């Protein structure tokens, strides 16, 4: 575990994370998630934009999305602290049945396909998360029954604060063979194995490779991902004036030296040559 990072995990459902310094992380979110910032700041990175959040902000993450984020302490040095609730399929199905909830449909599709949905500030959201933060502060686990009650409170709060989220919450359809080109373009920066790329596009590994060749031609998925990351890095350096040290993590590389070597091999020049040559 990183020095200074504190993680509280109950039943793989309720998480609290405290981070004393800037930390980039990414994870595949396989269940809907409700998140709240108790302190500090966070940058959420999607394929099309960045979201900047601060203390008191809450947001919803749709399932089956790669969550890329930078957790930061506040300007005064207060560590980042965030609360995260997973709203899992079995629980949501049970809740829908037990409470006879009526979910409005909009062309049988979720209202929004955006991976992140920012929520307006609301006293119900604040109250929910302030009560959950108390468990972390006391370093005590809630009982299983109490945790289920809190999850129900979270769902009812979401339906009160943003009713159209019900369509997304209770959409239990599994993705099947989603558009491969679109998925790869949106997720080439993500740290996933080929098995994971295949899984999250609804394919076996062999079918994924076959469909990949049909979509992108005679290039391996690994080579395409590396080349696409380098192309994106070059664009950021040339058009935005960013340094290699500023972009290598953002485009999906883990090592600056590996990035610089791959960049020079691909384009024949070092990243710095493009930056200072402009």
Protein backbone atom coordinates (compact mmCIF):
# COMPACT_ATOMS: atom_id res chain seq x y z
CA UNK A 1 0.00 0.00 0.00
CA UNK A 2 1.20 3.54 -0.75
CA UNK A 3 2.66 5.37 2.24
CA UNK A 4 0.04 7.46 4.00
CA UNK A 5 -2.91 6.05 2.04
CA UNK A 6 -5.76 4.78 4.24
CA UNK A 7 -8.46 2.54 2.74
CA UNK A 8 -11.56 1.36 4.60
CA UNK A 9 -13.48 -1.47 2.93
CA UNK A 10 -16.68 -3.08 4.17
CA UNK A 11 -18.17 -6.04 2.26
CA UNK A 12 -16.62 -4.72 -0.98
CA UNK A 13 -19.56 -2.32 -0.96
CA UNK A 14 -18.65 0.69 1.19
CA UNK A 15 -15.21 2.24 0.76
CA UNK A 16 -13.48 5.24 2.28
CA UNK A 17 -10.13 6.38 0.93
CA UNK A 18 -7.80 8.99 2.42
CA UNK A 19 -4.82 10.16 0.35
CA UNK A 20 -2.22 12.70 1.57
CA UNK A 21 -0.72 13.59 -1.82
CA UNK A 22 -1.60 13.62 -5.53
CA UNK A 23 -2.41 10.11 -6.70
CA UNK A 24 -3.46 8.92 -10.16
CA UNK A 25 -5.46 5.72 -10.30
CA UNK A 26 -7.76 3.86 -12.63
CA UNK A 27 -10.13 0.95 -12.17
CA UNK A 28 -12.81 -0.80 -14.14
CA UNK A 29 -16.11 -0.08 -12.42
CA UNK A 30 -18.27 -3.17 -12.91
CA UNK A 31 -21.15 -2.00 -10.69
CA UNK A 32 -22.89 1.36 -10.38
CA UNK A 33 -21.12 3.55 -7.84
CA UNK A 34 -22.10 6.62 -5.81
CA UNK A 35 -19.20 8.82 -4.72
CA UNK A 36 -18.75 11.81 -2.41
CA UNK A 37 -15.78 14.06 -1.60
CA UNK A 38 -15.41 14.73 2.13
CA UNK A 39 -12.25 16.79 1.61
CA UNK A 40 -9.62 17.53 -1.00
CA UNK A 41 -10.11 17.58 -4.76
CA UNK A 42 -10.49 15.12 -7.61
CA UNK A 43 -10.11 15.19 -11.38
CA UNK A 44 -12.25 12.68 -13.25
CA UNK A 45 -10.99 11.92 -16.75
CA UNK A 46 -13.40 10.73 -19.44
CA UNK A 47 -12.68 10.19 -23.14
CA UNK A 48 -14.18 13.59 -23.98
CA UNK A 49 -13.60 15.86 -20.98
CA UNK A 50 -12.27 16.36 -17.46
CA UNK A 51 -14.41 16.98 -14.40
CA UNK A 52 -12.98 18.91 -11.46
CA UNK A 53 -14.59 18.18 -8.11
CA UNK A 54 -14.13 19.60 -4.63
CA UNK A 55 -15.29 19.05 -1.06
CA UNK A 56 -19.03 18.38 -0.87
CA UNK A 57 -19.41 17.26 -4.50
CA UNK A 58 -21.11 13.97 -5.32
CA UNK A 59 -21.23 12.00 -8.55
CA UNK A 60 -22.56 8.75 -9.98
CA UNK A 61 -20.48 6.30 -12.03
CA UNK A 62 -22.22 4.00 -14.47
CA UNK A 63 -21.20 0.35 -14.44
CA UNK A 64 -18.83 -1.15 -17.01
CA UNK A 65 -16.72 1.98 -17.35
CA UNK A 66 -13.05 2.60 -16.74
CA UNK A 67 -12.79 5.17 -13.95
CA UNK A 68 -9.66 7.32 -14.33
CA UNK A 69 -9.06 9.87 -11.61
CA UNK A 70 -6.49 12.01 -9.83
CA UNK A 71 -7.02 12.42 -6.10
CA UNK A 72 -5.50 15.59 -4.65
CA UNK A 73 -5.21 17.21 -1.22
CA UNK A 74 -6.92 20.56 -0.71
CA UNK A 75 -5.01 23.79 -1.28
CA UNK A 76 -4.44 24.07 2.49
CA UNK A 77 -2.91 20.58 2.59
CA UNK A 78 -5.94 18.73 3.97
CA UNK A 79 -5.73 15.15 2.60
CA UNK A 80 -8.17 13.90 0.01
CA UNK A 81 -10.95 11.85 1.54
CA UNK A 82 -13.67 10.20 -0.53
CA UNK A 83 -16.58 7.87 0.18
CA UNK A 84 -17.68 5.29 -2.37
CA UNK A 85 -20.80 3.10 -2.37
CA UNK A 86 -21.23 0.23 -4.83
CA UNK A 87 -24.83 -0.41 -5.87
CA UNK A 88 -24.63 -4.00 -7.04
CA UNK A 89 -27.03 -5.75 -9.42
CA UNK A 90 -28.38 -8.39 -7.00
CA UNK A 91 -29.17 -5.70 -4.42
CA UNK A 92 -30.85 -3.42 -6.99
CA UNK A 93 -32.94 -6.29 -8.40
CA UNK A 94 -34.04 -7.25 -4.90
CA UNK A 95 -34.90 -3.66 -4.06
CA UNK A 96 -36.87 -3.16 -7.27
CA UNK A 97 -38.93 -6.26 -6.50
CA UNK A 98 -39.45 -5.68 -2.77
CA UNK A 99 -40.47 -2.04 -3.05
CA UNK A 100 -42.46 -2.39 -6.30
CA UNK A 101 -40.66 0.60 -7.79
CA UNK A 102 -41.93 2.00 -11.07
CA UNK A 103 -39.16 3.02 -13.44
CA UNK A 104 -40.02 5.31 -16.37
CA UNK A 105 -38.51 4.15 -19.63
CA UNK A 106 -37.10 6.42 -22.30
CA UNK A 107 -36.99 4.41 -25.53
CA UNK A 108 -35.89 1.47 -23.35
CA UNK A 109 -32.46 3.05 -22.97
CA UNK A 110 -30.61 4.72 -20.14
CA UNK A 111 -31.05 8.46 -20.07
CA UNK A 112 -27.34 9.13 -20.42
CA UNK A 113 -24.42 7.06 -21.65
CA UNK A 114 -21.91 9.36 -19.94
CA UNK A 115 -19.63 7.40 -17.58
CA UNK A 116 -19.91 10.09 -14.88
CA UNK A 117 -23.02 11.98 -13.83
CA UNK A 118 -22.43 14.94 -11.51
CA UNK A 119 -25.16 15.38 -8.90
CA UNK A 120 -26.54 18.67 -7.67
CA UNK A 121 -25.87 19.48 -4.03
CA UNK A 122 -28.73 18.31 -1.84
CA UNK A 123 -29.21 18.00 1.95
CA UNK A 124 -30.29 14.36 1.55
CA UNK A 125 -26.98 13.48 -0.13
CA UNK A 126 -25.01 15.41 2.48
CA UNK A 127 -26.88 13.67 5.30
CA UNK A 128 -26.32 10.22 3.81
CA UNK A 129 -22.58 10.65 3.43
CA UNK A 130 -22.04 12.47 6.70
CA UNK A 131 -23.55 9.49 8.50
CA UNK A 132 -21.31 7.11 6.53
CA UNK A 133 -18.23 9.21 7.26
CA UNK A 134 -18.92 8.69 10.96
CA UNK A 135 -18.11 4.97 10.61
CA UNK A 136 -14.75 5.80 9.09
CA UNK A 137 -13.96 8.37 11.77
CA UNK A 138 -14.84 5.86 14.51
CA UNK A 139 -13.04 3.05 12.65
CA UNK A 140 -16.06 0.82 13.15
CA UNK A 141 -17.84 -1.38 10.64
CA UNK A 142 -21.62 -1.01 10.31
CA UNK A 143 -23.63 -4.20 10.69
CA UNK A 144 -24.78 -6.00 7.54
CA UNK A 145 -28.40 -4.96 8.15
CA UNK A 146 -27.40 -1.36 8.76
CA UNK A 147 -25.29 -1.35 5.59
CA UNK A 148 -28.25 -2.62 3.57
CA UNK A 149 -30.41 0.12 5.07
CA UNK A 150 -27.82 2.70 4.03
CA UNK A 151 -27.73 1.29 0.50
CA UNK A 152 -31.51 1.58 0.29
CA UNK A 153 -31.26 5.14 1.58
CA UNK A 154 -28.68 5.85 -1.14
CA UNK A 155 -30.99 4.55 -3.89
CA UNK A 156 -34.04 6.42 -2.61
CA UNK A 157 -31.91 9.57 -2.28
CA UNK A 158 -30.73 9.25 -5.89
CA UNK A 159 -34.31 8.77 -7.09
CA UNK A 160 -35.35 11.88 -5.15
CA UNK A 161 -32.41 14.05 -6.23
CA UNK A 162 -32.30 12.90 -9.86
CA UNK A 163 -35.35 10.77 -10.77
CA UNK A 164 -34.19 9.97 -14.31
CA UNK A 165 -31.29 7.97 -12.85
CA UNK A 166 -33.82 5.23 -12.11
CA UNK A 167 -33.63 4.15 -15.74
CA UNK A 168 -29.89 3.60 -15.40
CA UNK A 169 -29.99 2.10 -11.90
CA UNK A 170 -32.51 -0.58 -12.84
CA UNK A 171 -31.23 -1.36 -16.33
CA UNK A 172 -30.13 -4.98 -15.91
CA UNK A 173 -29.37 -5.73 -19.55
CA UNK A 174 -25.87 -7.06 -20.12
CA UNK A 175 -23.80 -5.45 -22.89
CA UNK A 176 -23.20 -7.80 -25.79
CA UNK A 177 -20.65 -7.19 -28.50
CA UNK A 178 -20.64 -3.44 -28.16
CA UNK A 179 -19.06 -1.38 -30.92
CA UNK A 180 -15.39 -2.38 -30.86
CA UNK A 181 -13.96 0.65 -32.66
CA UNK A 182 -15.76 3.07 -30.36
CA UNK A 183 -14.77 1.18 -27.21
CA UNK A 184 -11.10 1.01 -28.19
CA UNK A 185 -11.01 4.69 -29.08
CA UNK A 186 -12.54 5.58 -25.72
CA UNK A 187 -10.36 3.24 -23.66
CA UNK A 188 -6.95 2.90 -25.32
CA UNK A 189 -5.39 4.86 -22.45
CA UNK A 190 -6.61 2.34 -19.87
CA UNK A 191 -4.41 -0.25 -18.20
CA UNK A 192 -6.29 -3.39 -19.24
CA UNK A 193 -5.16 -6.77 -20.52
CA UNK A 194 -6.45 -8.13 -23.83
CA UNK A 195 -8.63 -10.53 -21.84
CA UNK A 196 -10.21 -7.53 -20.10
CA UNK A 197 -10.72 -5.65 -23.38
CA UNK A 198 -12.43 -8.76 -24.76
CA UNK A 199 -14.60 -9.20 -21.66
CA UNK A 200 -15.79 -5.60 -21.52
CA UNK A 201 -16.73 -5.62 -25.20
CA UNK A 202 -18.80 -8.80 -24.75
CA UNK A 203 -16.46 -11.13 -26.63
CA UNK A 204 -14.27 -14.15 -26.11
CA UNK A 205 -10.56 -13.44 -26.63
CA UNK A 206 -10.53 -15.23 -29.99
CA UNK A 207 -13.61 -13.33 -31.22
CA UNK A 208 -12.12 -10.07 -29.95
CA UNK A 209 -8.95 -10.62 -31.99
CA UNK A 210 -10.96 -11.57 -35.08
CA UNK A 211 -13.24 -8.53 -34.79
CA UNK A 212 -10.25 -6.32 -34.07
CA UNK A 213 -8.58 -7.35 -37.33
CA UNK A 214 -11.81 -6.65 -39.20
CA UNK A 215 -12.04 -3.18 -37.64
CA UNK A 216 -8.40 -2.07 -37.67
CA UNK A 217 -6.62 -4.20 -40.25
CA UNK A 218 -3.37 -6.13 -39.99
CA UNK A 219 -2.10 -4.79 -36.67
CA UNK A 220 -2.15 -6.51 -33.29
CA UNK A 221 -4.30 -4.99 -30.52
CA UNK A 222 -1.21 -4.38 -28.35
CA UNK A 223 0.60 -2.57 -31.14
CA UNK A 224 -2.49 -0.52 -32.01
CA UNK A 225 -2.92 0.55 -28.38
CA UNK A 226 0.73 1.62 -28.09
CA UNK A 227 0.61 3.51 -31.39
CA UNK A 228 -2.66 5.23 -30.47
CA UNK A 229 -1.24 6.33 -27.11
CA UNK A 230 1.83 7.74 -28.82
CA UNK A 231 -0.29 9.59 -31.39
CA UNK A 232 -2.34 11.14 -28.60
CA UNK A 233 0.83 12.12 -26.73
CA UNK A 234 2.29 13.73 -29.84
CA UNK A 235 -0.91 15.74 -30.32
CA UNK A 236 -0.79 16.96 -26.72
CA UNK A 237 2.87 17.95 -27.02
CA UNK A 238 2.55 19.71 -30.38
CA UNK A 239 -0.86 21.34 -29.96
CA UNK A 240 -1.01 21.96 -26.21
CA UNK A 241 2.68 22.48 -25.48
CA UNK A 242 2.77 19.82 -22.77
CA UNK A 243 5.96 18.11 -21.63
CA UNK A 244 6.54 14.37 -21.79
CA UNK A 245 6.42 14.24 -17.99
CA UNK A 246 2.94 15.78 -18.12
CA UNK A 247 1.44 13.42 -20.69
CA UNK A 248 2.93 9.95 -20.32
CA UNK A 249 0.61 8.90 -17.48
CA UNK A 250 -2.40 10.56 -19.06
CA UNK A 251 -2.08 8.55 -22.28
CA UNK A 252 -1.55 5.26 -20.48
CA UNK A 253 2.19 4.71 -20.01
CA UNK A 254 3.50 3.78 -16.57
CA UNK A 255 7.15 4.76 -17.09
CA UNK A 256 8.52 8.02 -18.47
CA UNK A 257 11.65 6.30 -19.79
CA UNK A 258 9.58 3.61 -21.55
CA UNK A 259 7.36 6.32 -23.03
CA UNK A 260 10.33 8.36 -24.29
CA UNK A 261 11.96 5.29 -25.87
CA UNK A 262 8.73 4.22 -27.58
CA UNK A 263 8.05 7.78 -28.75
CA UNK A 264 11.47 8.12 -30.39
CA UNK A 265 11.13 4.71 -32.01
CA UNK A 266 7.71 5.63 -33.43
CA UNK A 267 8.42 9.18 -34.62
CA UNK A 268 12.22 9.30 -34.94
CA UNK A 269 12.62 12.18 -32.48
CA UNK A 270 12.48 12.62 -28.73
CA UNK A 271 9.35 14.25 -27.24
CA UNK A 272 11.42 17.25 -26.14
CA UNK A 273 12.52 17.88 -29.74
CA UNK A 274 8.91 18.38 -30.80
CA UNK A 275 8.13 20.57 -27.81
CA UNK A 276 11.05 22.93 -28.16
CA UNK A 277 11.02 22.77 -31.94
CA UNK A 278 7.61 24.47 -32.08
